[in-house]
Amino acid sequence: MRKITLLLAALSFSLLADTRIYQCDMTVSQVKNDQISRPTKADFGALVVDSGEQFYVVRGDKVLSSPYLAKRNGKLVGVGEDKLIYNKSHDVYGVHSKDQSFFFDGCKEVG
């Protein structure tokens, strides 16, 4: 909880009024041979903090931070320092590794 409070405080100082905070559902999918399969809805979702060209995912005590995203094929996409691929398309956020994909959708604004 302390990490969430610190993250939100830092964001409030560093980002202006365009920042939105959402409570989102989470779906986990397996990736094999570049194909996404076996989507499973998680028991609980995550907070997504969206500043427009960058977003953060807060789930439990874990915080994932996207790089600044660039527009590619109608989506905003970027590769983070953590080697994860981050993307945003309309109101769906994605975080992808070699063998798993995490999707955050059904978002409701909470702040």
PDB file of N, CA and C in Angstrom:
ATOM      1  N   MET A   1       0.825  -1.188   0.000  1.00  0.00           N
ATOM      2  CA  MET A   1       0.000   0.000   0.000  1.00  0.00           C
ATOM      3  C   MET A   1       0.869   1.252   0.000  1.00  0.00           C
ATOM      4  N   ARG A   2       2.010   1.172   0.703  1.00  0.00           N
ATOM      5  CA  ARG A   2       2.898   2.329   0.772  1.00  0.00           C
ATOM      6  C   ARG A   2       3.454   2.660  -0.610  1.00  0.00           C
ATOM      7  N   LYS A   3       3.780   1.622  -1.412  1.00  0.00           N
ATOM      8  CA  LYS A   3       4.291   1.870  -2.759  1.00  0.00           C
ATOM      9  C   LYS A   3       3.251   2.579  -3.618  1.00  0.00           C
ATOM     10  N   ILE A   4       1.998   2.171  -3.480  1.00  0.00           N
ATOM     11  CA  ILE A   4       0.932   2.811  -4.249  1.00  0.00           C
ATOM     12  C   ILE A   4       0.828   4.281  -3.873  1.00  0.00           C
ATOM     13  N   THR A   5       0.851   4.579  -2.592  1.00  0.00           N
ATOM     14  CA  THR A   5       0.762   5.962  -2.130  1.00  0.00           C
ATOM     15  C   THR A   5       1.932   6.782  -2.646  1.00  0.00           C
ATOM     16  N   LEU A   6       3.147   6.225  -2.573  1.00  0.00           N
ATOM     17  CA  LEU A   6       4.326   6.936  -3.068  1.00  0.00           C
ATOM     18  C   LEU A   6       4.248   7.161  -4.568  1.00  0.00           C
ATOM     19  N   LEU A   7       3.798   6.132  -5.299  1.00  0.00           N
ATOM     20  CA  LEU A   7       3.675   6.270  -6.745  1.00  0.00           C
ATOM     21  C   LEU A   7       2.673   7.360  -7.098  1.00  0.00           C
ATOM     22  N   LEU A   8       1.530   7.337  -6.468  1.00  0.00           N
ATOM     23  CA  LEU A   8       0.506   8.339  -6.765  1.00  0.00           C
ATOM     24  C   LEU A   8       0.961   9.741  -6.385  1.00  0.00           C
ATOM     25  N   ALA A   9       1.673   9.869  -5.283  1.00  0.00           N
ATOM     26  CA  ALA A   9       2.197  11.180  -4.886  1.00  0.00           C
ATOM     27  C   ALA A   9       3.216  11.679  -5.902  1.00  0.00           C
ATOM     28  N   ALA A  10       4.113  10.800  -6.335  1.00  0.00           N
ATOM     29  CA  ALA A  10       5.125  11.188  -7.319  1.00  0.00           C
ATOM     30  C   ALA A  10       4.474  11.590  -8.631  1.00  0.00           C
ATOM     31  N   LEU A  11       3.480  10.837  -9.040  1.00  0.00           N
ATOM     32  CA  LEU A  11       2.798  11.165 -10.283  1.00  0.00           C
ATOM     33  C   LEU A  11       2.063  12.492 -10.193  1.00  0.00           C
ATOM     34  N   SER A  12       1.494  12.774  -9.054  1.00  0.00           N
ATOM     35  CA  SER A  12       0.753  14.027  -8.928  1.00  0.00           C
ATOM     36  C   SER A  12       1.681  15.229  -9.032  1.00  0.00           C
ATOM     37  N   PHE A  13       2.929  15.084  -8.625  1.00  0.00           N
ATOM     38  CA  PHE A  13       3.882  16.185  -8.747  1.00  0.00           C
ATOM     39  C   PHE A  13       4.463  16.275 -10.150  1.00  0.00           C
ATOM     40  N   SER A  14       4.710  15.122 -10.796  1.00  0.00           N
ATOM     41  CA  SER A  14       5.434  15.129 -12.063  1.00  0.00           C
ATOM     42  C   SER A  14       4.534  15.221 -13.284  1.00  0.00           C
ATOM     43  N   LEU A  15       3.272  14.892 -13.149  1.00  0.00           N
ATOM     44  CA  LEU A  15       2.378  14.906 -14.297  1.00  0.00           C
ATOM     45  C   LEU A  15       1.246  15.886 -14.054  1.00  0.00           C
ATOM     46  N   LEU A  16       0.751  16.444 -15.127  1.00  0.00           N
ATOM     47  CA  LEU A  16      -0.293  17.447 -14.989  1.00  0.00           C
ATOM     48  C   LEU A  16      -1.677  16.823 -15.046  1.00  0.00           C
ATOM     49  N   ALA A  17      -2.680  17.624 -15.289  1.00  0.00           N
ATOM     50  CA  ALA A  17      -4.084  17.223 -15.191  1.00  0.00           C
ATOM     51  C   ALA A  17      -4.486  16.113 -16.156  1.00  0.00           C
ATOM     52  N   ASP A  18      -3.676  15.800 -17.163  1.00  0.00           N
ATOM     53  CA  ASP A  18      -4.040  14.757 -18.118  1.00  0.00           C
ATOM     54  C   ASP A  18      -3.891  13.356 -17.549  1.00  0.00           C
ATOM     55  N   THR A  19      -3.350  13.212 -16.380  1.00  0.00           N
ATOM     56  CA  THR A  19      -3.159  11.900 -15.767  1.00  0.00           C
ATOM     57  C   THR A  19      -4.495  11.357 -15.281  1.00  0.00           C
ATOM     58  N   ARG A  20      -4.752  10.098 -15.615  1.00  0.00           N
ATOM     59  CA  ARG A  20      -5.976   9.420 -15.190  1.00  0.00           C
ATOM     60  C   ARG A  20      -5.600   8.159 -14.426  1.00  0.00           C
ATOM     61  N   ILE A  21      -6.391   7.830 -13.411  1.00  0.00           N
ATOM     62  CA  ILE A  21      -6.167   6.617 -12.622  1.00  0.00           C
ATOM     63  C   ILE A  21      -7.391   5.732 -12.783  1.00  0.00           C
ATOM     64  N   TYR A  22      -7.148   4.477 -13.173  1.00  0.00           N
ATOM     65  CA  TYR A  22      -8.232   3.536 -13.444  1.00  0.00           C
ATOM     66  C   TYR A  22      -8.083   2.282 -12.592  1.00  0.00           C
ATOM     67  N   GLN A  23      -9.211   1.679 -12.247  1.00  0.00           N
ATOM     68  CA  GLN A  23      -9.252   0.330 -11.691  1.00  0.00           C
ATOM     69  C   GLN A  23      -9.668  -0.559 -12.860  1.00  0.00           C
ATOM     70  N   CYS A  24      -8.809  -1.523 -13.214  1.00  0.00           N
ATOM     71  CA  CYS A  24      -9.041  -2.335 -14.408  1.00  0.00           C
ATOM     72  C   CYS A  24      -9.106  -3.820 -14.075  1.00  0.00           C
ATOM     73  N   ASP A  25      -9.844  -4.558 -14.898  1.00  0.00           N
ATOM     74  CA  ASP A  25      -9.823  -6.013 -14.841  1.00  0.00           C
ATOM     75  C   ASP A  25      -8.521  -6.484 -15.473  1.00  0.00           C
ATOM     76  N   MET A  26      -8.096  -7.697 -15.126  1.00  0.00           N
ATOM     77  CA  MET A  26      -6.852  -8.231 -15.681  1.00  0.00           C
ATOM     78  C   MET A  26      -7.088  -9.624 -16.240  1.00  0.00           C
ATOM     79  N   THR A  27      -6.555  -9.873 -17.433  1.00  0.00           N
ATOM     80  CA  THR A  27      -6.590 -11.188 -18.062  1.00  0.00           C
ATOM     81  C   THR A  27      -5.157 -11.606 -18.348  1.00  0.00           C
ATOM     82  N   VAL A  28      -4.829 -12.849 -18.009  1.00  0.00           N
ATOM     83  CA  VAL A  28      -3.499 -13.407 -18.254  1.00  0.00           C
ATOM     84  C   VAL A  28      -3.627 -14.440 -19.364  1.00  0.00           C
ATOM     85  N   SER A  29      -2.757 -14.353 -20.375  1.00  0.00           N
ATOM     86  CA  SER A  29      -2.761 -15.305 -21.484  1.00  0.00           C
ATOM     87  C   SER A  29      -1.370 -15.885 -21.666  1.00  0.00           C
ATOM     88  N   GLN A  30      -1.324 -17.104 -22.158  1.00  0.00           N
ATOM     89  CA  GLN A  30      -0.057 -17.743 -22.486  1.00  0.00           C
ATOM     90  C   GLN A  30       0.333 -17.341 -23.907  1.00  0.00           C
ATOM     91  N   VAL A  31       1.643 -17.276 -24.180  1.00  0.00           N
ATOM     92  CA  VAL A  31       2.137 -16.985 -25.518  1.00  0.00           C
ATOM     93  C   VAL A  31       3.059 -18.124 -25.929  1.00  0.00           C
ATOM     94  N   LYS A  32       2.759 -18.711 -27.081  1.00  0.00           N
ATOM     95  CA  LYS A  32       3.596 -19.787 -27.617  1.00  0.00           C
ATOM     96  C   LYS A  32       3.652 -19.605 -29.124  1.00  0.00           C
ATOM     97  N   ASN A  33       4.863 -19.600 -29.678  1.00  0.00           N
ATOM     98  CA  ASN A  33       5.062 -19.376 -31.113  1.00  0.00           C
ATOM     99  C   ASN A  33       4.377 -18.088 -31.577  1.00  0.00           C
ATOM    100  N   ASP A  34       4.512 -17.047 -30.776  1.00  0.00           N
ATOM    101  CA  ASP A  34       3.936 -15.724 -31.071  1.00  0.00           C
ATOM    102  C   ASP A  34       2.414 -15.725 -31.169  1.00  0.00           C
ATOM    103  N   GLN A  35       1.759 -16.744 -30.630  1.00  0.00           N
ATOM    104  CA  GLN A  35       0.298 -16.820 -30.605  1.00  0.00           C
ATOM    105  C   GLN A  35      -0.192 -16.739 -29.163  1.00  0.00           C
ATOM    106  N   ILE A  36      -1.187 -15.903 -28.927  1.00  0.00           N
ATOM    107  CA  ILE A  36      -1.768 -15.753 -27.592  1.00  0.00           C
ATOM    108  C   ILE A  36      -2.875 -16.786 -27.424  1.00  0.00           C
ATOM    109  N   SER A  37      -2.844 -17.515 -26.302  1.00  0.00           N
ATOM    110  CA  SER A  37      -3.860 -18.545 -26.063  1.00  0.00           C
ATOM    111  C   SER A  37      -4.182 -18.642 -24.578  1.00  0.00           C
ATOM    112  N   ARG A  38      -5.215 -19.389 -24.272  1.00  0.00           N
ATOM    113  CA  ARG A  38      -5.645 -19.697 -22.908  1.00  0.00           C
ATOM    114  C   ARG A  38      -5.820 -18.450 -22.035  1.00  0.00           C
ATOM    115  N   PRO A  39      -6.651 -17.502 -22.470  1.00  0.00           N
ATOM    116  CA  PRO A  39      -6.882 -16.328 -21.611  1.00  0.00           C
ATOM    117  C   PRO A  39      -7.621 -16.720 -20.334  1.00  0.00           C
ATOM    118  N   THR A  40      -7.133 -16.217 -19.216  1.00  0.00           N
ATOM    119  CA  THR A  40      -7.735 -16.494 -17.914  1.00  0.00           C
ATOM    120  C   THR A  40      -7.903 -15.175 -17.174  1.00  0.00           C
ATOM    121  N   LYS A  41      -9.131 -14.899 -16.761  1.00  0.00           N
ATOM    122  CA  LYS A  41      -9.382 -13.668 -16.009  1.00  0.00           C
ATOM    123  C   LYS A  41      -8.829 -13.831 -14.598  1.00  0.00           C
ATOM    124  N   ALA A  42      -8.048 -12.853 -14.148  1.00  0.00           N
ATOM    125  CA  ALA A  42      -7.455 -12.883 -12.808  1.00  0.00           C
ATOM    126  C   ALA A  42      -8.526 -12.619 -11.754  1.00  0.00           C
ATOM    127  N   ASP A  43      -8.281 -13.118 -10.543  1.00  0.00           N
ATOM    128  CA  ASP A  43      -9.224 -12.931  -9.437  1.00  0.00           C
ATOM    129  C   ASP A  43      -9.405 -11.464  -9.069  1.00  0.00           C
ATOM    130  N   PHE A  44      -8.351 -10.675  -9.232  1.00  0.00           N
ATOM    131  CA  PHE A  44      -8.462  -9.239  -8.975  1.00  0.00           C
ATOM    132  C   PHE A  44      -7.635  -8.494 -10.006  1.00  0.00           C
ATOM    133  N   GLY A  45      -7.982  -7.251 -10.226  1.00  0.00           N
ATOM    134  CA  GLY A  45      -7.358  -6.463 -11.275  1.00  0.00           C
ATOM    135  C   GLY A  45      -6.178  -5.654 -10.785  1.00  0.00           C
ATOM    136  N   ALA A  46      -6.041  -4.465 -11.358  1.00  0.00           N
ATOM    137  CA  ALA A  46      -4.905  -3.609 -11.043  1.00  0.00           C
ATOM    138  C   ALA A  46      -5.302  -2.153 -11.232  1.00  0.00           C
ATOM    139  N   LEU A  47      -4.526  -1.270 -10.628  1.00  0.00           N
ATOM    140  CA  LEU A  47      -4.646   0.158 -10.908  1.00  0.00           C
ATOM    141  C   LEU A  47      -3.772   0.466 -12.116  1.00  0.00           C
ATOM    142  N   VAL A  48      -4.295   1.257 -13.029  1.00  0.00           N
ATOM    143  CA  VAL A  48      -3.513   1.731 -14.167  1.00  0.00           C
ATOM    144  C   VAL A  48      -3.508   3.249 -14.098  1.00  0.00           C
ATOM    145  N   VAL A  49      -2.311   3.819 -14.092  1.00  0.00           N
ATOM    146  CA  VAL A  49      -2.134   5.270 -14.072  1.00  0.00           C
ATOM    147  C   VAL A  49      -1.666   5.661 -15.467  1.00  0.00           C
ATOM    148  N   ASP A  50      -2.468   6.432 -16.174  1.00  0.00           N
ATOM    149  CA  ASP A  50      -2.231   6.752 -17.581  1.00  0.00           C
ATOM    150  C   ASP A  50      -1.988   8.248 -17.743  1.00  0.00           C
ATOM    151  N   SER A  51      -0.818   8.589 -18.281  1.00  0.00           N
ATOM    152  CA  SER A  51      -0.502  10.000 -18.523  1.00  0.00           C
ATOM    153  C   SER A  51      -0.585  10.354 -20.004  1.00  0.00           C
ATOM    154  N   GLY A  52      -1.138   9.465 -20.807  1.00  0.00           N
ATOM    155  CA  GLY A  52      -1.274   9.734 -22.235  1.00  0.00           C
ATOM    156  C   GLY A  52      -0.250   8.993 -23.057  1.00  0.00           C
ATOM    157  N   GLU A  53       1.016   9.301 -22.861  1.00  0.00           N
ATOM    158  CA  GLU A  53       2.063   8.643 -23.645  1.00  0.00           C
ATOM    159  C   GLU A  53       2.887   7.657 -22.816  1.00  0.00           C
ATOM    160  N   GLN A  54       2.466   7.422 -21.596  1.00  0.00           N
ATOM    161  CA  GLN A  54       3.139   6.486 -20.699  1.00  0.00           C
ATOM    162  C   GLN A  54       2.107   6.004 -19.684  1.00  0.00           C
ATOM    163  N   PHE A  55       2.266   4.745 -19.202  1.00  0.00           N
ATOM    164  CA  PHE A  55       1.355   4.279 -18.160  1.00  0.00           C
ATOM    165  C   PHE A  55       2.089   3.413 -17.150  1.00  0.00           C
ATOM    166  N   TYR A  56       1.479   3.298 -15.976  1.00  0.00           N
ATOM    167  CA  TYR A  56       1.993   2.472 -14.886  1.00  0.00           C
ATOM    168  C   TYR A  56       0.908   1.483 -14.503  1.00  0.00           C
ATOM    169  N   VAL A  57       1.310   0.270 -14.165  1.00  0.00           N
ATOM    170  CA  VAL A  57       0.381  -0.739 -13.662  1.00  0.00           C
ATOM    171  C   VAL A  57       0.784  -1.041 -12.229  1.00  0.00           C
ATOM    172  N   VAL A  58      -0.168  -0.925 -11.297  1.00  0.00           N
ATOM    173  CA  VAL A  58       0.087  -1.204  -9.884  1.00  0.00           C
ATOM    174  C   VAL A  58      -0.806  -2.374  -9.492  1.00  0.00           C
ATOM    175  N   ARG A  59      -0.167  -3.486  -9.108  1.00  0.00           N
ATOM    176  CA  ARG A  59      -0.920  -4.680  -8.701  1.00  0.00           C
ATOM    177  C   ARG A  59      -0.243  -5.248  -7.466  1.00  0.00           C
ATOM    178  N   GLY A  60      -0.943  -5.170  -6.339  1.00  0.00           N
ATOM    179  CA  GLY A  60      -0.319  -5.579  -5.081  1.00  0.00           C
ATOM    180  C   GLY A  60       0.847  -4.654  -4.793  1.00  0.00           C
ATOM    181  N   ASP A  61       2.026  -5.237  -4.531  1.00  0.00           N
ATOM    182  CA  ASP A  61       3.208  -4.407  -4.274  1.00  0.00           C
ATOM    183  C   ASP A  61       4.102  -4.287  -5.501  1.00  0.00           C
ATOM    184  N   LYS A  62       3.628  -4.713  -6.659  1.00  0.00           N
ATOM    185  CA  LYS A  62       4.407  -4.659  -7.899  1.00  0.00           C
ATOM    186  C   LYS A  62       3.962  -3.460  -8.742  1.00  0.00           C
ATOM    187  N   VAL A  63       4.941  -2.711  -9.247  1.00  0.00           N
ATOM    188  CA  VAL A  63       4.671  -1.568 -10.118  1.00  0.00           C
ATOM    189  C   VAL A  63       5.434  -1.769 -11.417  1.00  0.00           C
ATOM    190  N   LEU A  64       4.720  -1.751 -12.537  1.00  0.00           N
ATOM    191  CA  LEU A  64       5.339  -1.824 -13.859  1.00  0.00           C
ATOM    192  C   LEU A  64       5.203  -0.460 -14.509  1.00  0.00           C
ATOM    193  N   SER A  65       6.284   0.021 -15.079  1.00  0.00           N
ATOM    194  CA  SER A  65       6.302   1.348 -15.680  1.00  0.00           C
ATOM    195  C   SER A  65       6.641   1.235 -17.160  1.00  0.00           C
ATOM    196  N   SER A  66       5.734   1.679 -17.998  1.00  0.00           N
ATOM    197  CA  SER A  66       6.014   1.639 -19.433  1.00  0.00           C
ATOM    198  C   SER A  66       7.022   2.731 -19.785  1.00  0.00           C
ATOM    199  N   PRO A  67       7.723   2.538 -20.902  1.00  0.00           N
ATOM    200  CA  PRO A  67       8.525   3.653 -21.416  1.00  0.00           C
ATOM    201  C   PRO A  67       7.569   4.647 -22.081  1.00  0.00           C
ATOM    202  N   TYR A  68       8.102   5.745 -22.596  1.00  0.00           N
ATOM    203  CA  TYR A  68       7.260   6.611 -23.409  1.00  0.00           C
ATOM    204  C   TYR A  68       6.892   5.820 -24.653  1.00  0.00           C
ATOM    205  N   LEU A  69       5.613   5.811 -24.993  1.00  0.00           N
ATOM    206  CA  LEU A  69       5.110   4.979 -26.075  1.00  0.00           C
ATOM    207  C   LEU A  69       5.083   5.750 -27.386  1.00  0.00           C
ATOM    208  N   ALA A  70       5.364   5.031 -28.483  1.00  0.00           N
ATOM    209  CA  ALA A  70       5.333   5.621 -29.820  1.00  0.00           C
ATOM    210  C   ALA A  70       4.193   4.990 -30.612  1.00  0.00           C
ATOM    211  N   LYS A  71       3.585   5.760 -31.495  1.00  0.00           N
ATOM    212  CA  LYS A  71       2.467   5.254 -32.290  1.00  0.00           C
ATOM    213  C   LYS A  71       2.999   4.318 -33.378  1.00  0.00           C
ATOM    214  N   ARG A  72       2.405   3.112 -33.432  1.00  0.00           N
ATOM    215  CA  ARG A  72       2.777   2.124 -34.439  1.00  0.00           C
ATOM    216  C   ARG A  72       1.539   1.282 -34.755  1.00  0.00           C
ATOM    217  N   ASN A  73       1.130   1.250 -36.009  1.00  0.00           N
ATOM    218  CA  ASN A  73      -0.038   0.471 -36.450  1.00  0.00           C
ATOM    219  C   ASN A  73      -1.289   0.785 -35.634  1.00  0.00           C
ATOM    220  N   GLY A  74      -1.514   2.039 -35.335  1.00  0.00           N
ATOM    221  CA  GLY A  74      -2.716   2.454 -34.624  1.00  0.00           C
ATOM    222  C   GLY A  74      -2.684   2.245 -33.125  1.00  0.00           C
ATOM    223  N   LYS A  75      -1.578   1.723 -32.593  1.00  0.00           N
ATOM    224  CA  LYS A  75      -1.439   1.513 -31.151  1.00  0.00           C
ATOM    225  C   LYS A  75      -0.246   2.314 -30.656  1.00  0.00           C
ATOM    226  N   LEU A  76      -0.234   2.564 -29.362  1.00  0.00           N
ATOM    227  CA  LEU A  76       0.954   3.124 -28.723  1.00  0.00           C
ATOM    228  C   LEU A  76       1.751   1.953 -28.173  1.00  0.00           C
ATOM    229  N   VAL A  77       3.034   1.862 -28.536  1.00  0.00           N
ATOM    230  CA  VAL A  77       3.858   0.698 -28.206  1.00  0.00           C
ATOM    231  C   VAL A  77       5.239   1.150 -27.741  1.00  0.00           C
ATOM    232  N   GLY A  78       5.839   0.363 -26.836  1.00  0.00           N
ATOM    233  CA  GLY A  78       7.210   0.605 -26.409  1.00  0.00           C
ATOM    234  C   GLY A  78       7.779  -0.599 -25.692  1.00  0.00           C
ATOM    235  N   VAL A  79       9.111  -0.685 -25.674  1.00  0.00           N
ATOM    236  CA  VAL A  79       9.808  -1.753 -24.957  1.00  0.00           C
ATOM    237  C   VAL A  79      10.486  -1.124 -23.750  1.00  0.00           C
ATOM    238  N   GLY A  80      10.174  -1.650 -22.568  1.00  0.00           N
ATOM    239  CA  GLY A  80      10.710  -1.101 -21.333  1.00  0.00           C
ATOM    240  C   GLY A  80      12.112  -1.580 -21.020  1.00  0.00           C
ATOM    241  N   GLU A  81      12.746  -0.923 -20.049  1.00  0.00           N
ATOM    242  CA  GLU A  81      14.060  -1.353 -19.574  1.00  0.00           C
ATOM    243  C   GLU A  81      14.009  -2.770 -19.032  1.00  0.00           C
ATOM    244  N   ASP A  82      12.826  -3.191 -18.591  1.00  0.00           N
ATOM    245  CA  ASP A  82      12.634  -4.542 -18.063  1.00  0.00           C
ATOM    246  C   ASP A  82      12.452  -5.572 -19.180  1.00  0.00           C
ATOM    247  N   LYS A  83      12.605  -5.147 -20.447  1.00  0.00           N
ATOM    248  CA  LYS A  83      12.468  -5.983 -21.649  1.00  0.00           C
ATOM    249  C   LYS A  83      11.027  -6.412 -21.922  1.00  0.00           C
ATOM    250  N   LEU A  84      10.058  -5.878 -21.181  1.00  0.00           N
ATOM    251  CA  LEU A  84       8.654  -6.164 -21.444  1.00  0.00           C
ATOM    252  C   LEU A  84       8.153  -5.219 -22.533  1.00  0.00           C
ATOM    253  N   ILE A  85       7.198  -5.690 -23.315  1.00  0.00           N
ATOM    254  CA  ILE A  85       6.580  -4.867 -24.353  1.00  0.00           C
ATOM    255  C   ILE A  85       5.280  -4.308 -23.786  1.00  0.00           C
ATOM    256  N   TYR A  86       5.116  -3.008 -23.885  1.00  0.00           N
ATOM    257  CA  TYR A  86       3.940  -2.317 -23.371  1.00  0.00           C
ATOM    258  C   TYR A  86       3.157  -1.770 -24.557  1.00  0.00           C
ATOM    259  N   ASN A  87       1.835  -1.903 -24.511  1.00  0.00           N
ATOM    260  CA  ASN A  87       1.033  -1.271 -25.547  1.00  0.00           C
ATOM    261  C   ASN A  87      -0.286  -0.773 -24.985  1.00  0.00           C
ATOM    262  N   LYS A  88      -0.840   0.198 -25.703  1.00  0.00           N
ATOM    263  CA  LYS A  88      -2.116   0.804 -25.313  1.00  0.00           C
ATOM    264  C   LYS A  88      -2.904   1.047 -26.587  1.00  0.00           C
ATOM    265  N   SER A  89      -4.125   0.557 -26.600  1.00  0.00           N
ATOM    266  CA  SER A  89      -5.012   0.777 -27.731  1.00  0.00           C
ATOM    267  C   SER A  89      -6.379   1.147 -27.174  1.00  0.00           C
ATOM    268  N   HIS A  90      -6.767   2.388 -27.373  1.00  0.00           N
ATOM    269  CA  HIS A  90      -8.014   2.923 -26.813  1.00  0.00           C
ATOM    270  C   HIS A  90      -8.002   2.745 -25.299  1.00  0.00           C
ATOM    271  N   ASP A  91      -8.870   1.902 -24.757  1.00  0.00           N
ATOM    272  CA  ASP A  91      -8.925   1.736 -23.302  1.00  0.00           C
ATOM    273  C   ASP A  91      -8.451   0.355 -22.849  1.00  0.00           C
ATOM    274  N   VAL A  92      -7.594  -0.285 -23.654  1.00  0.00           N
ATOM    275  CA  VAL A  92      -7.003  -1.578 -23.287  1.00  0.00           C
ATOM    276  C   VAL A  92      -5.494  -1.398 -23.189  1.00  0.00           C
ATOM    277  N   TYR A  93      -4.937  -1.868 -22.079  1.00  0.00           N
ATOM    278  CA  TYR A  93      -3.503  -1.778 -21.830  1.00  0.00           C
ATOM    279  C   TYR A  93      -2.935  -3.190 -21.861  1.00  0.00           C
ATOM    280  N   GLY A  94      -1.722  -3.351 -22.391  1.00  0.00           N
ATOM    281  CA  GLY A  94      -1.098  -4.664 -22.436  1.00  0.00           C
ATOM    282  C   GLY A  94       0.345  -4.604 -21.987  1.00  0.00           C
ATOM    283  N   VAL A  95       0.764  -5.679 -21.316  1.00  0.00           N
ATOM    284  CA  VAL A  95       2.163  -5.859 -20.924  1.00  0.00           C
ATOM    285  C   VAL A  95       2.511  -7.290 -21.327  1.00  0.00           C
ATOM    286  N   HIS A  96       3.583  -7.441 -22.126  1.00  0.00           N
ATOM    287  CA  HIS A  96       3.864  -8.733 -22.739  1.00  0.00           C
ATOM    288  C   HIS A  96       5.316  -9.157 -22.519  1.00  0.00           C
ATOM    289  N   SER A  97       5.480 -10.431 -22.176  1.00  0.00           N
ATOM    290  CA  SER A  97       6.806 -11.036 -22.100  1.00  0.00           C
ATOM    291  C   SER A  97       6.865 -12.125 -23.165  1.00  0.00           C
ATOM    292  N   LYS A  98       7.950 -12.874 -23.182  1.00  0.00           N
ATOM    293  CA  LYS A  98       8.128 -13.926 -24.183  1.00  0.00           C
ATOM    294  C   LYS A  98       7.045 -14.996 -24.080  1.00  0.00           C
ATOM    295  N   ASP A  99       6.616 -15.326 -22.856  1.00  0.00           N
ATOM    296  CA  ASP A  99       5.686 -16.445 -22.695  1.00  0.00           C
ATOM    297  C   ASP A  99       4.353 -16.095 -22.039  1.00  0.00           C
ATOM    298  N   GLN A 100       4.130 -14.822 -21.689  1.00  0.00           N
ATOM    299  CA  GLN A 100       2.858 -14.414 -21.091  1.00  0.00           C
ATOM    300  C   GLN A 100       2.469 -13.017 -21.542  1.00  0.00           C
ATOM    301  N   SER A 101       1.160 -12.802 -21.610  1.00  0.00           N
ATOM    302  CA  SER A 101       0.619 -11.471 -21.887  1.00  0.00           C
ATOM    303  C   SER A 101      -0.393 -11.122 -20.812  1.00  0.00           C
ATOM    304  N   PHE A 102      -0.357  -9.884 -20.381  1.00  0.00           N
ATOM    305  CA  PHE A 102      -1.279  -9.376 -19.373  1.00  0.00           C
ATOM    306  C   PHE A 102      -2.070  -8.242 -20.013  1.00  0.00           C
ATOM    307  N   PHE A 103      -3.392  -8.367 -19.983  1.00  0.00           N
ATOM    308  CA  PHE A 103      -4.266  -7.349 -20.550  1.00  0.00           C
ATOM    309  C   PHE A 103      -5.079  -6.712 -19.436  1.00  0.00           C
ATOM    310  N   PHE A 104      -5.207  -5.406 -19.498  1.00  0.00           N
ATOM    311  CA  PHE A 104      -5.971  -4.644 -18.508  1.00  0.00           C
ATOM    312  C   PHE A 104      -7.070  -3.908 -19.263  1.00  0.00           C
ATOM    313  N   ASP A 105      -8.321  -4.279 -18.980  1.00  0.00           N
ATOM    314  CA  ASP A 105      -9.455  -3.663 -19.669  1.00  0.00           C
ATOM    315  C   ASP A 105     -10.626  -3.530 -18.699  1.00  0.00           C
ATOM    316  N   GLY A 106     -11.767  -3.109 -19.207  1.00  0.00           N
ATOM    317  CA  GLY A 106     -12.913  -2.890 -18.326  1.00  0.00           C
ATOM    318  C   GLY A 106     -12.607  -1.841 -17.272  1.00  0.00           C
ATOM    319  N   CYS A 107     -11.803  -0.866 -17.649  1.00  0.00           N
ATOM    320  CA  CYS A 107     -11.293   0.123 -16.696  1.00  0.00           C
ATOM    321  C   CYS A 107     -12.361   1.146 -16.304  1.00  0.00           C
ATOM    322  N   LYS A 108     -12.370   1.475 -15.019  1.00  0.00           N
ATOM    323  CA  LYS A 108     -13.253   2.511 -14.478  1.00  0.00           C
ATOM    324  C   LYS A 108     -12.383   3.569 -13.803  1.00  0.00           C
ATOM    325  N   GLU A 109     -12.614   4.818 -14.153  1.00  0.00           N
ATOM    326  CA  GLU A 109     -11.804   5.899 -13.591  1.00  0.00           C
ATOM    327  C   GLU A 109     -12.081   6.045 -12.097  1.00  0.00           C
ATOM    328  N   VAL A 110     -11.001   6.098 -11.311  1.00  0.00           N
ATOM    329  CA  VAL A 110     -11.120   6.235  -9.858  1.00  0.00           C
ATOM    330  C   VAL A 110     -10.414   7.482  -9.342  1.00  0.00           C
ATOM    331  N   GLY A 111      -9.730   8.193 -10.192  1.00  0.00           N
ATOM    332  CA  GLY A 111      -9.031   9.387  -9.740  1.00  0.00           C
ATOM    333  C   GLY A 111      -8.540  10.228 -10.866  1.00  0.00           C
TER     334      GLY A 111
END
